[in-house]
Amino acid sequence: MKLEGVVFDLDATLVNMGGFVDWKEAHRKAREAYQTTECPKEFVLKCSERGLFNMLNLVRDEVSRTIPEKVEEIQLKAYDAIESCEVESIEACHLMPGCEDVLDWLEERDIRMGVATSNSQTVAEEILKRKGIDRYFAAVVGRRPELRMKPHPDQILKCFEMMGVDPSGGVVVGDSVRDVAAAKSAEIYVVAVPAYFTRRDSIIEAGADVIIDSLEDLLVVLSMLQR
């Protein structure tokens, strides 16, 4: 393939922000935010049992079906609630090993780069800026109420669109099953860099094209793709 663009996940791929976020509190705040809307409280509680990000997707799907005109308004309330917890990670997080080497290598070859993340749009942009790597990215797509989140492909496809790159000439790099599933649903080549909490068998089952141990190994894979 002629490699034209790479879309990265953010947390546990480029930076280690997740370890500095109180996800339990974020989950509680998002659940309470939904309960202030037209969403049936019992349905929200049932979805909440599936975890934070599953809840966000499940509630969005139900609202899209029942009161579609309210989707963005309702999702924004939950997203804002979570963002209040994510801001704590901006100063505390740091770049993953090999991050800048990979970004430099891609920049030197005029390969466009983007970020598609389930984290807050504002927090993602601020982290990239504070860590001094925002200049590398032609597009950043975080949680947006108008887009479905991973494992749906919406964010990734939007990122490639903003980058001006056809997904057929692109690669997705992420740490989770959601990243892999989102990329494969759009038939995009995906490299998985599993975090310590990610089950490798689930990554394999989701269809990862390549699994590497760390971001430092990514250059070998990208070099091979360009041959």
C-alpha atoms as a PDB file:
ATOM      1  CA  MET A   1       0.000   0.000   0.000  1.00  0.00           C
ATOM      2  CA  LYS A   2       1.005   3.639  -0.404  1.00  0.00           C
ATOM      3  CA  LEU A   3       0.797   4.928   3.137  1.00  0.00           C
ATOM      4  CA  GLU A   4      -0.782   8.377   3.100  1.00  0.00           C
ATOM      5  CA  GLY A   5      -2.137   8.844   6.605  1.00  0.00           C
ATOM      6  CA  VAL A   6      -2.144   7.441  10.135  1.00  0.00           C
ATOM      7  CA  VAL A   7      -4.906   7.965  12.688  1.00  0.00           C
ATOM      8  CA  PHE A   8      -3.903   7.382  16.311  1.00  0.00           C
ATOM      9  CA  ASP A   9      -5.958   6.786  19.401  1.00  0.00           C
ATOM     10  CA  LEU A  10      -4.927   9.077  22.267  1.00  0.00           C
ATOM     11  CA  ASP A  11      -5.084   7.454  25.697  1.00  0.00           C
ATOM     12  CA  ALA A  12      -2.672   4.544  26.206  1.00  0.00           C
ATOM     13  CA  THR A  13      -1.466   4.983  22.625  1.00  0.00           C
ATOM     14  CA  LEU A  14       0.152   8.434  22.420  1.00  0.00           C
ATOM     15  CA  VAL A  15      -0.147   9.444  26.089  1.00  0.00           C
ATOM     16  CA  ASN A  16      -1.004   7.748  29.379  1.00  0.00           C
ATOM     17  CA  MET A  17      -3.825  10.057  30.470  1.00  0.00           C
ATOM     18  CA  GLY A  18      -6.321   7.410  31.616  1.00  0.00           C
ATOM     19  CA  GLY A  19      -4.424   6.561  34.757  1.00  0.00           C
ATOM     20  CA  PHE A  20      -4.934  10.104  36.023  1.00  0.00           C
ATOM     21  CA  VAL A  21      -8.709  10.198  35.530  1.00  0.00           C
ATOM     22  CA  ASP A  22     -11.219   9.144  38.184  1.00  0.00           C
ATOM     23  CA  TRP A  23     -13.307   7.050  35.805  1.00  0.00           C
ATOM     24  CA  LYS A  24     -15.629   5.883  38.580  1.00  0.00           C
ATOM     25  CA  GLU A  25     -16.555   9.485  39.286  1.00  0.00           C
ATOM     26  CA  ALA A  26     -16.845  10.220  35.555  1.00  0.00           C
ATOM     27  CA  HIS A  27     -19.216   7.275  35.217  1.00  0.00           C
ATOM     28  CA  ARG A  28     -21.349   8.540  38.099  1.00  0.00           C
ATOM     29  CA  LYS A  29     -21.493  12.078  36.699  1.00  0.00           C
ATOM     30  CA  ALA A  30     -22.446  10.892  33.217  1.00  0.00           C
ATOM     31  CA  ARG A  31     -25.187   8.662  34.612  1.00  0.00           C
ATOM     32  CA  GLU A  32     -26.594  11.521  36.664  1.00  0.00           C
ATOM     33  CA  ALA A  33     -26.428  13.853  33.662  1.00  0.00           C
ATOM     34  CA  TYR A  34     -28.503  11.407  31.610  1.00  0.00           C
ATOM     35  CA  GLN A  35     -31.028  11.171  34.428  1.00  0.00           C
ATOM     36  CA  THR A  36     -31.703  14.916  34.167  1.00  0.00           C
ATOM     37  CA  THR A  37     -32.850  14.446  30.559  1.00  0.00           C
ATOM     38  CA  GLU A  38     -35.806  12.745  28.870  1.00  0.00           C
ATOM     39  CA  CYS A  39     -33.992   9.383  29.017  1.00  0.00           C
ATOM     40  CA  PRO A  40     -35.938   6.823  31.089  1.00  0.00           C
ATOM     41  CA  LYS A  41     -34.118   6.499  34.406  1.00  0.00           C
ATOM     42  CA  GLU A  42     -34.443   2.715  34.550  1.00  0.00           C
ATOM     43  CA  PHE A  43     -32.974   2.394  31.060  1.00  0.00           C
ATOM     44  CA  VAL A  44     -30.026   4.612  32.005  1.00  0.00           C
ATOM     45  CA  LEU A  45     -29.353   2.517  35.114  1.00  0.00           C
ATOM     46  CA  LYS A  46     -29.463  -0.681  33.067  1.00  0.00           C
ATOM     47  CA  CYS A  47     -27.026   0.728  30.527  1.00  0.00           C
ATOM     48  CA  SER A  48     -24.800   1.998  33.315  1.00  0.00           C
ATOM     49  CA  GLU A  49     -24.210  -1.583  34.437  1.00  0.00           C
ATOM     50  CA  ARG A  50     -22.310  -2.145  31.188  1.00  0.00           C
ATOM     51  CA  GLY A  51     -19.634   0.430  32.028  1.00  0.00           C
ATOM     52  CA  LEU A  52     -19.110   4.079  31.137  1.00  0.00           C
ATOM     53  CA  PHE A  53     -18.346   3.953  27.419  1.00  0.00           C
ATOM     54  CA  ASN A  54     -20.852   1.197  26.712  1.00  0.00           C
ATOM     55  CA  MET A  55     -23.447   3.316  28.506  1.00  0.00           C
ATOM     56  CA  LEU A  56     -22.651   6.312  26.295  1.00  0.00           C
ATOM     57  CA  ASN A  57     -23.108   4.259  23.133  1.00  0.00           C
ATOM     58  CA  LEU A  58     -26.206   2.391  24.316  1.00  0.00           C
ATOM     59  CA  VAL A  59     -28.012   5.526  25.452  1.00  0.00           C
ATOM     60  CA  ARG A  60     -27.130   7.303  22.216  1.00  0.00           C
ATOM     61  CA  ASP A  61     -28.528   4.410  20.177  1.00  0.00           C
ATOM     62  CA  GLU A  62     -31.783   4.454  22.137  1.00  0.00           C
ATOM     63  CA  VAL A  63     -32.191   8.226  21.954  1.00  0.00           C
ATOM     64  CA  SER A  64     -31.473   8.123  18.207  1.00  0.00           C
ATOM     65  CA  ARG A  65     -34.331   5.665  17.853  1.00  0.00           C
ATOM     66  CA  THR A  66     -36.870   7.307  20.153  1.00  0.00           C
ATOM     67  CA  ILE A  67     -36.182  11.073  20.207  1.00  0.00           C
ATOM     68  CA  PRO A  68     -33.603  11.672  17.452  1.00  0.00           C
ATOM     69  CA  GLU A  69     -33.956  15.442  17.611  1.00  0.00           C
ATOM     70  CA  LYS A  70     -32.542  15.312  21.165  1.00  0.00           C
ATOM     71  CA  VAL A  71     -29.465  13.156  20.505  1.00  0.00           C
ATOM     72  CA  GLU A  72     -26.835  15.867  20.422  1.00  0.00           C
ATOM     73  CA  GLU A  73     -28.306  17.842  23.321  1.00  0.00           C
ATOM     74  CA  ILE A  74     -28.487  14.778  25.577  1.00  0.00           C
ATOM     75  CA  GLN A  75     -25.073  13.427  24.644  1.00  0.00           C
ATOM     76  CA  LEU A  76     -23.471  16.810  25.229  1.00  0.00           C
ATOM     77  CA  LYS A  77     -24.711  16.842  28.819  1.00  0.00           C
ATOM     78  CA  ALA A  78     -23.088  13.491  29.539  1.00  0.00           C
ATOM     79  CA  TYR A  79     -19.888  14.425  27.687  1.00  0.00           C
ATOM     80  CA  ASP A  80     -19.518  17.673  29.619  1.00  0.00           C
ATOM     81  CA  ALA A  81     -19.922  15.774  32.881  1.00  0.00           C
ATOM     82  CA  ILE A  82     -17.113  13.371  31.962  1.00  0.00           C
ATOM     83  CA  GLU A  83     -14.840  16.177  30.764  1.00  0.00           C
ATOM     84  CA  SER A  84     -14.865  17.679  34.245  1.00  0.00           C
ATOM     85  CA  CYS A  85     -13.003  14.572  35.404  1.00  0.00           C
ATOM     86  CA  GLU A  86     -10.676  14.276  32.402  1.00  0.00           C
ATOM     87  CA  VAL A  87      -9.161  17.728  32.864  1.00  0.00           C
ATOM     88  CA  GLU A  88      -7.203  16.371  35.829  1.00  0.00           C
ATOM     89  CA  SER A  89      -5.035  14.384  33.408  1.00  0.00           C
ATOM     90  CA  ILE A  90      -3.826  17.316  31.300  1.00  0.00           C
ATOM     91  CA  GLU A  91      -0.795  18.182  33.401  1.00  0.00           C
ATOM     92  CA  ALA A  92      -0.178  14.752  34.899  1.00  0.00           C
ATOM     93  CA  CYS A  93       0.018  12.568  31.775  1.00  0.00           C
ATOM     94  CA  HIS A  94       3.116  12.043  29.678  1.00  0.00           C
ATOM     95  CA  LEU A  95       4.008  10.738  26.227  1.00  0.00           C
ATOM     96  CA  MET A  96       4.235   7.006  25.651  1.00  0.00           C
ATOM     97  CA  PRO A  97       7.740   5.650  24.872  1.00  0.00           C
ATOM     98  CA  GLY A  98       8.658   6.139  21.226  1.00  0.00           C
ATOM     99  CA  CYS A  99       5.863   8.630  20.552  1.00  0.00           C
ATOM    100  CA  GLU A 100       7.968  11.507  19.232  1.00  0.00           C
ATOM    101  CA  ASP A 101      10.218   9.200  17.191  1.00  0.00           C
ATOM    102  CA  VAL A 102       7.164   7.808  15.387  1.00  0.00           C
ATOM    103  CA  LEU A 103       5.680  11.255  14.769  1.00  0.00           C
ATOM    104  CA  ASP A 104       8.999  12.600  13.467  1.00  0.00           C
ATOM    105  CA  TRP A 105       9.387   9.619  11.124  1.00  0.00           C
ATOM    106  CA  LEU A 106       5.916  10.170   9.659  1.00  0.00           C
ATOM    107  CA  GLU A 107       6.417  13.924   9.340  1.00  0.00           C
ATOM    108  CA  GLU A 108       9.702  13.442   7.481  1.00  0.00           C
ATOM    109  CA  ARG A 109       7.853  11.335   4.894  1.00  0.00           C
ATOM    110  CA  ASP A 110       4.941  13.759   4.517  1.00  0.00           C
ATOM    111  CA  ILE A 111       2.486  11.208   5.896  1.00  0.00           C
ATOM    112  CA  ARG A 112      -0.495  13.006   7.367  1.00  0.00           C
ATOM    113  CA  MET A 113      -1.511  12.305  10.961  1.00  0.00           C
ATOM    114  CA  GLY A 114      -4.660  12.575  13.023  1.00  0.00           C
ATOM    115  CA  VAL A 115      -6.116  11.609  16.385  1.00  0.00           C
ATOM    116  CA  ALA A 116      -9.495   9.933  16.904  1.00  0.00           C
ATOM    117  CA  THR A 117     -10.327   9.462  20.562  1.00  0.00           C
ATOM    118  CA  SER A 118     -13.230   8.695  22.867  1.00  0.00           C
ATOM    119  CA  ASN A 119     -11.870  11.342  25.207  1.00  0.00           C
ATOM    120  CA  SER A 120     -13.006  14.954  25.371  1.00  0.00           C
ATOM    121  CA  GLN A 121     -12.275  17.029  22.267  1.00  0.00           C
ATOM    122  CA  THR A 122     -11.123  19.958  24.401  1.00  0.00           C
ATOM    123  CA  VAL A 123      -8.971  17.847  26.714  1.00  0.00           C
ATOM    124  CA  ALA A 124      -7.405  15.951  23.799  1.00  0.00           C
ATOM    125  CA  GLU A 125      -6.441  19.189  22.040  1.00  0.00           C
ATOM    126  CA  GLU A 126      -5.042  20.660  25.258  1.00  0.00           C
ATOM    127  CA  ILE A 127      -2.966  17.563  26.038  1.00  0.00           C
ATOM    128  CA  LEU A 128      -1.444  17.543  22.554  1.00  0.00           C
ATOM    129  CA  LYS A 129      -0.634  21.234  22.915  1.00  0.00           C
ATOM    130  CA  ARG A 130       0.844  20.948  26.424  1.00  0.00           C
ATOM    131  CA  LYS A 131       2.968  17.957  25.419  1.00  0.00           C
ATOM    132  CA  GLY A 132       4.281  19.846  22.392  1.00  0.00           C
ATOM    133  CA  ILE A 133       3.010  17.474  19.707  1.00  0.00           C
ATOM    134  CA  ASP A 134      -0.096  19.268  18.413  1.00  0.00           C
ATOM    135  CA  ARG A 135       1.799  20.528  15.345  1.00  0.00           C
ATOM    136  CA  TYR A 136       2.006  16.991  13.950  1.00  0.00           C
ATOM    137  CA  PHE A 137      -1.728  16.501  13.568  1.00  0.00           C
ATOM    138  CA  ALA A 138      -3.894  17.671  10.698  1.00  0.00           C
ATOM    139  CA  ALA A 139      -7.059  16.610  12.532  1.00  0.00           C
ATOM    140  CA  VAL A 140      -8.203  15.799  16.050  1.00  0.00           C
ATOM    141  CA  VAL A 141     -11.602  14.166  16.535  1.00  0.00           C
ATOM    142  CA  GLY A 142     -12.674  13.660  20.133  1.00  0.00           C
ATOM    143  CA  ARG A 143     -16.099  13.008  21.607  1.00  0.00           C
ATOM    144  CA  ARG A 144     -18.568  14.928  19.497  1.00  0.00           C
ATOM    145  CA  PRO A 145     -22.316  14.627  20.045  1.00  0.00           C
ATOM    146  CA  GLU A 146     -22.946  14.383  16.317  1.00  0.00           C
ATOM    147  CA  LEU A 147     -20.680  11.321  15.919  1.00  0.00           C
ATOM    148  CA  ARG A 148     -21.024   7.806  17.279  1.00  0.00           C
ATOM    149  CA  MET A 149     -17.999   6.722  19.292  1.00  0.00           C
ATOM    150  CA  LYS A 150     -15.841   3.655  18.802  1.00  0.00           C
ATOM    151  CA  PRO A 151     -16.426   0.772  18.137  1.00  0.00           C
ATOM    152  CA  HIS A 152     -18.414   2.585  15.439  1.00  0.00           C
ATOM    153  CA  PRO A 153     -16.160   3.944  12.661  1.00  0.00           C
ATOM    154  CA  ASP A 154     -17.587   7.499  12.623  1.00  0.00           C
ATOM    155  CA  GLN A 155     -14.745   9.256  14.451  1.00  0.00           C
ATOM    156  CA  ILE A 156     -12.029   7.517  12.470  1.00  0.00           C
ATOM    157  CA  LEU A 157     -13.695   8.199   9.122  1.00  0.00           C
ATOM    158  CA  LYS A 158     -14.249  11.845  10.084  1.00  0.00           C
ATOM    159  CA  CYS A 159     -10.582  12.127  10.995  1.00  0.00           C
ATOM    160  CA  PHE A 160      -9.436  10.777   7.629  1.00  0.00           C
ATOM    161  CA  GLU A 161     -11.879  13.131   5.908  1.00  0.00           C
ATOM    162  CA  MET A 162     -10.447  16.134   7.774  1.00  0.00           C
ATOM    163  CA  MET A 163      -6.914  14.966   6.954  1.00  0.00           C
ATOM    164  CA  GLY A 164      -7.779  14.756   3.263  1.00  0.00           C
ATOM    165  CA  VAL A 165      -6.730  11.103   3.127  1.00  0.00           C
ATOM    166  CA  ASP A 166      -8.633   8.181   1.603  1.00  0.00           C
ATOM    167  CA  PRO A 167      -8.964   5.501   4.319  1.00  0.00           C
ATOM    168  CA  SER A 168      -7.737   2.883   1.834  1.00  0.00           C
ATOM    169  CA  GLY A 169      -4.316   4.526   2.084  1.00  0.00           C
ATOM    170  CA  GLY A 170      -4.451   4.819   5.845  1.00  0.00           C
ATOM    171  CA  VAL A 171      -3.578   2.983   9.029  1.00  0.00           C
ATOM    172  CA  VAL A 172      -5.223   3.156  12.452  1.00  0.00           C
ATOM    173  CA  VAL A 173      -3.125   2.695  15.594  1.00  0.00           C
ATOM    174  CA  GLY A 174      -4.785   2.038  18.950  1.00  0.00           C
ATOM    175  CA  ASP A 175      -4.627   0.084  22.170  1.00  0.00           C
ATOM    176  CA  SER A 176      -8.150  -1.253  22.587  1.00  0.00           C
ATOM    177  CA  VAL A 177     -10.655  -3.660  21.118  1.00  0.00           C
ATOM    178  CA  ARG A 178     -12.839  -0.637  20.329  1.00  0.00           C
ATOM    179  CA  ASP A 179     -10.074   0.877  18.201  1.00  0.00           C
ATOM    180  CA  VAL A 180      -9.609  -2.351  16.277  1.00  0.00           C
ATOM    181  CA  ALA A 181     -13.331  -2.942  15.795  1.00  0.00           C
ATOM    182  CA  ALA A 182     -13.891   0.622  14.588  1.00  0.00           C
ATOM    183  CA  ALA A 183     -11.085   0.396  12.039  1.00  0.00           C
ATOM    184  CA  LYS A 184     -12.055  -3.028  10.730  1.00  0.00           C
ATOM    185  CA  SER A 185     -15.714  -2.020  10.346  1.00  0.00           C
ATOM    186  CA  ALA A 186     -14.435   0.607   7.899  1.00  0.00           C
ATOM    187  CA  GLU A 187     -12.016  -1.906   6.301  1.00  0.00           C
ATOM    188  CA  ILE A 188      -8.946   0.058   7.406  1.00  0.00           C
ATOM    189  CA  TYR A 189      -5.605  -1.558   8.247  1.00  0.00           C
ATOM    190  CA  VAL A 190      -5.115  -1.476  12.007  1.00  0.00           C
ATOM    191  CA  VAL A 191      -2.091  -1.879  14.251  1.00  0.00           C
ATOM    192  CA  ALA A 192      -2.863  -2.726  17.882  1.00  0.00           C
ATOM    193  CA  VAL A 193      -0.575  -1.665  20.731  1.00  0.00           C
ATOM    194  CA  PRO A 194      -2.387  -3.345  23.639  1.00  0.00           C
ATOM    195  CA  ALA A 195      -2.324  -1.582  26.988  1.00  0.00           C
ATOM    196  CA  TYR A 196      -1.552  -3.661  30.061  1.00  0.00           C
ATOM    197  CA  PHE A 197      -5.275  -4.041  30.753  1.00  0.00           C
ATOM    198  CA  THR A 198      -6.201  -5.072  27.190  1.00  0.00           C
ATOM    199  CA  ARG A 199      -6.786  -8.772  26.559  1.00  0.00           C
ATOM    200  CA  ARG A 200      -4.747  -9.912  23.571  1.00  0.00           C
ATOM    201  CA  ASP A 201      -7.195 -12.656  22.660  1.00  0.00           C
ATOM    202  CA  SER A 202      -9.912 -10.001  22.328  1.00  0.00           C
ATOM    203  CA  ILE A 203      -7.642  -7.894  20.111  1.00  0.00           C
ATOM    204  CA  ILE A 204      -7.000 -10.909  17.881  1.00  0.00           C
ATOM    205  CA  GLU A 205     -10.688 -11.770  17.753  1.00  0.00           C
ATOM    206  CA  ALA A 206     -11.522  -8.172  16.779  1.00  0.00           C
ATOM    207  CA  GLY A 207      -9.306  -8.585  13.710  1.00  0.00           C
ATOM    208  CA  ALA A 208      -6.124  -6.585  14.344  1.00  0.00           C
ATOM    209  CA  ASP A 209      -3.822  -6.829  11.312  1.00  0.00           C
ATOM    210  CA  VAL A 210      -0.693  -6.525  13.454  1.00  0.00           C
ATOM    211  CA  ILE A 211      -0.084  -6.532  17.202  1.00  0.00           C
ATOM    212  CA  ILE A 212       3.023  -4.843  18.587  1.00  0.00           C
ATOM    213  CA  ASP A 213       4.350  -4.575  22.122  1.00  0.00           C
ATOM    214  CA  SER A 214       4.952  -0.825  22.190  1.00  0.00           C
ATOM    215  CA  LEU A 215       4.786   2.276  20.022  1.00  0.00           C
ATOM    216  CA  GLU A 216       8.540   1.928  19.548  1.00  0.00           C
ATOM    217  CA  ASP A 217       7.866  -1.100  17.318  1.00  0.00           C
ATOM    218  CA  LEU A 218       5.503   0.784  15.010  1.00  0.00           C
ATOM    219  CA  LEU A 219       8.220   2.069  12.670  1.00  0.00           C
ATOM    220  CA  VAL A 220       9.096  -1.480  11.616  1.00  0.00           C
ATOM    221  CA  VAL A 221       5.475  -2.135  10.645  1.00  0.00           C
ATOM    222  CA  LEU A 222       5.031   1.170   8.807  1.00  0.00           C
ATOM    223  CA  SER A 223       8.330   0.682   6.933  1.00  0.00           C
ATOM    224  CA  MET A 224       7.140  -2.722   5.729  1.00  0.00           C
ATOM    225  CA  LEU A 225       3.818  -1.299   4.568  1.00  0.00           C
ATOM    226  CA  GLN A 226       5.596   1.222   2.357  1.00  0.00           C
ATOM    227  CA  ARG A 227       7.653  -1.367   0.481  1.00  0.00           C
END
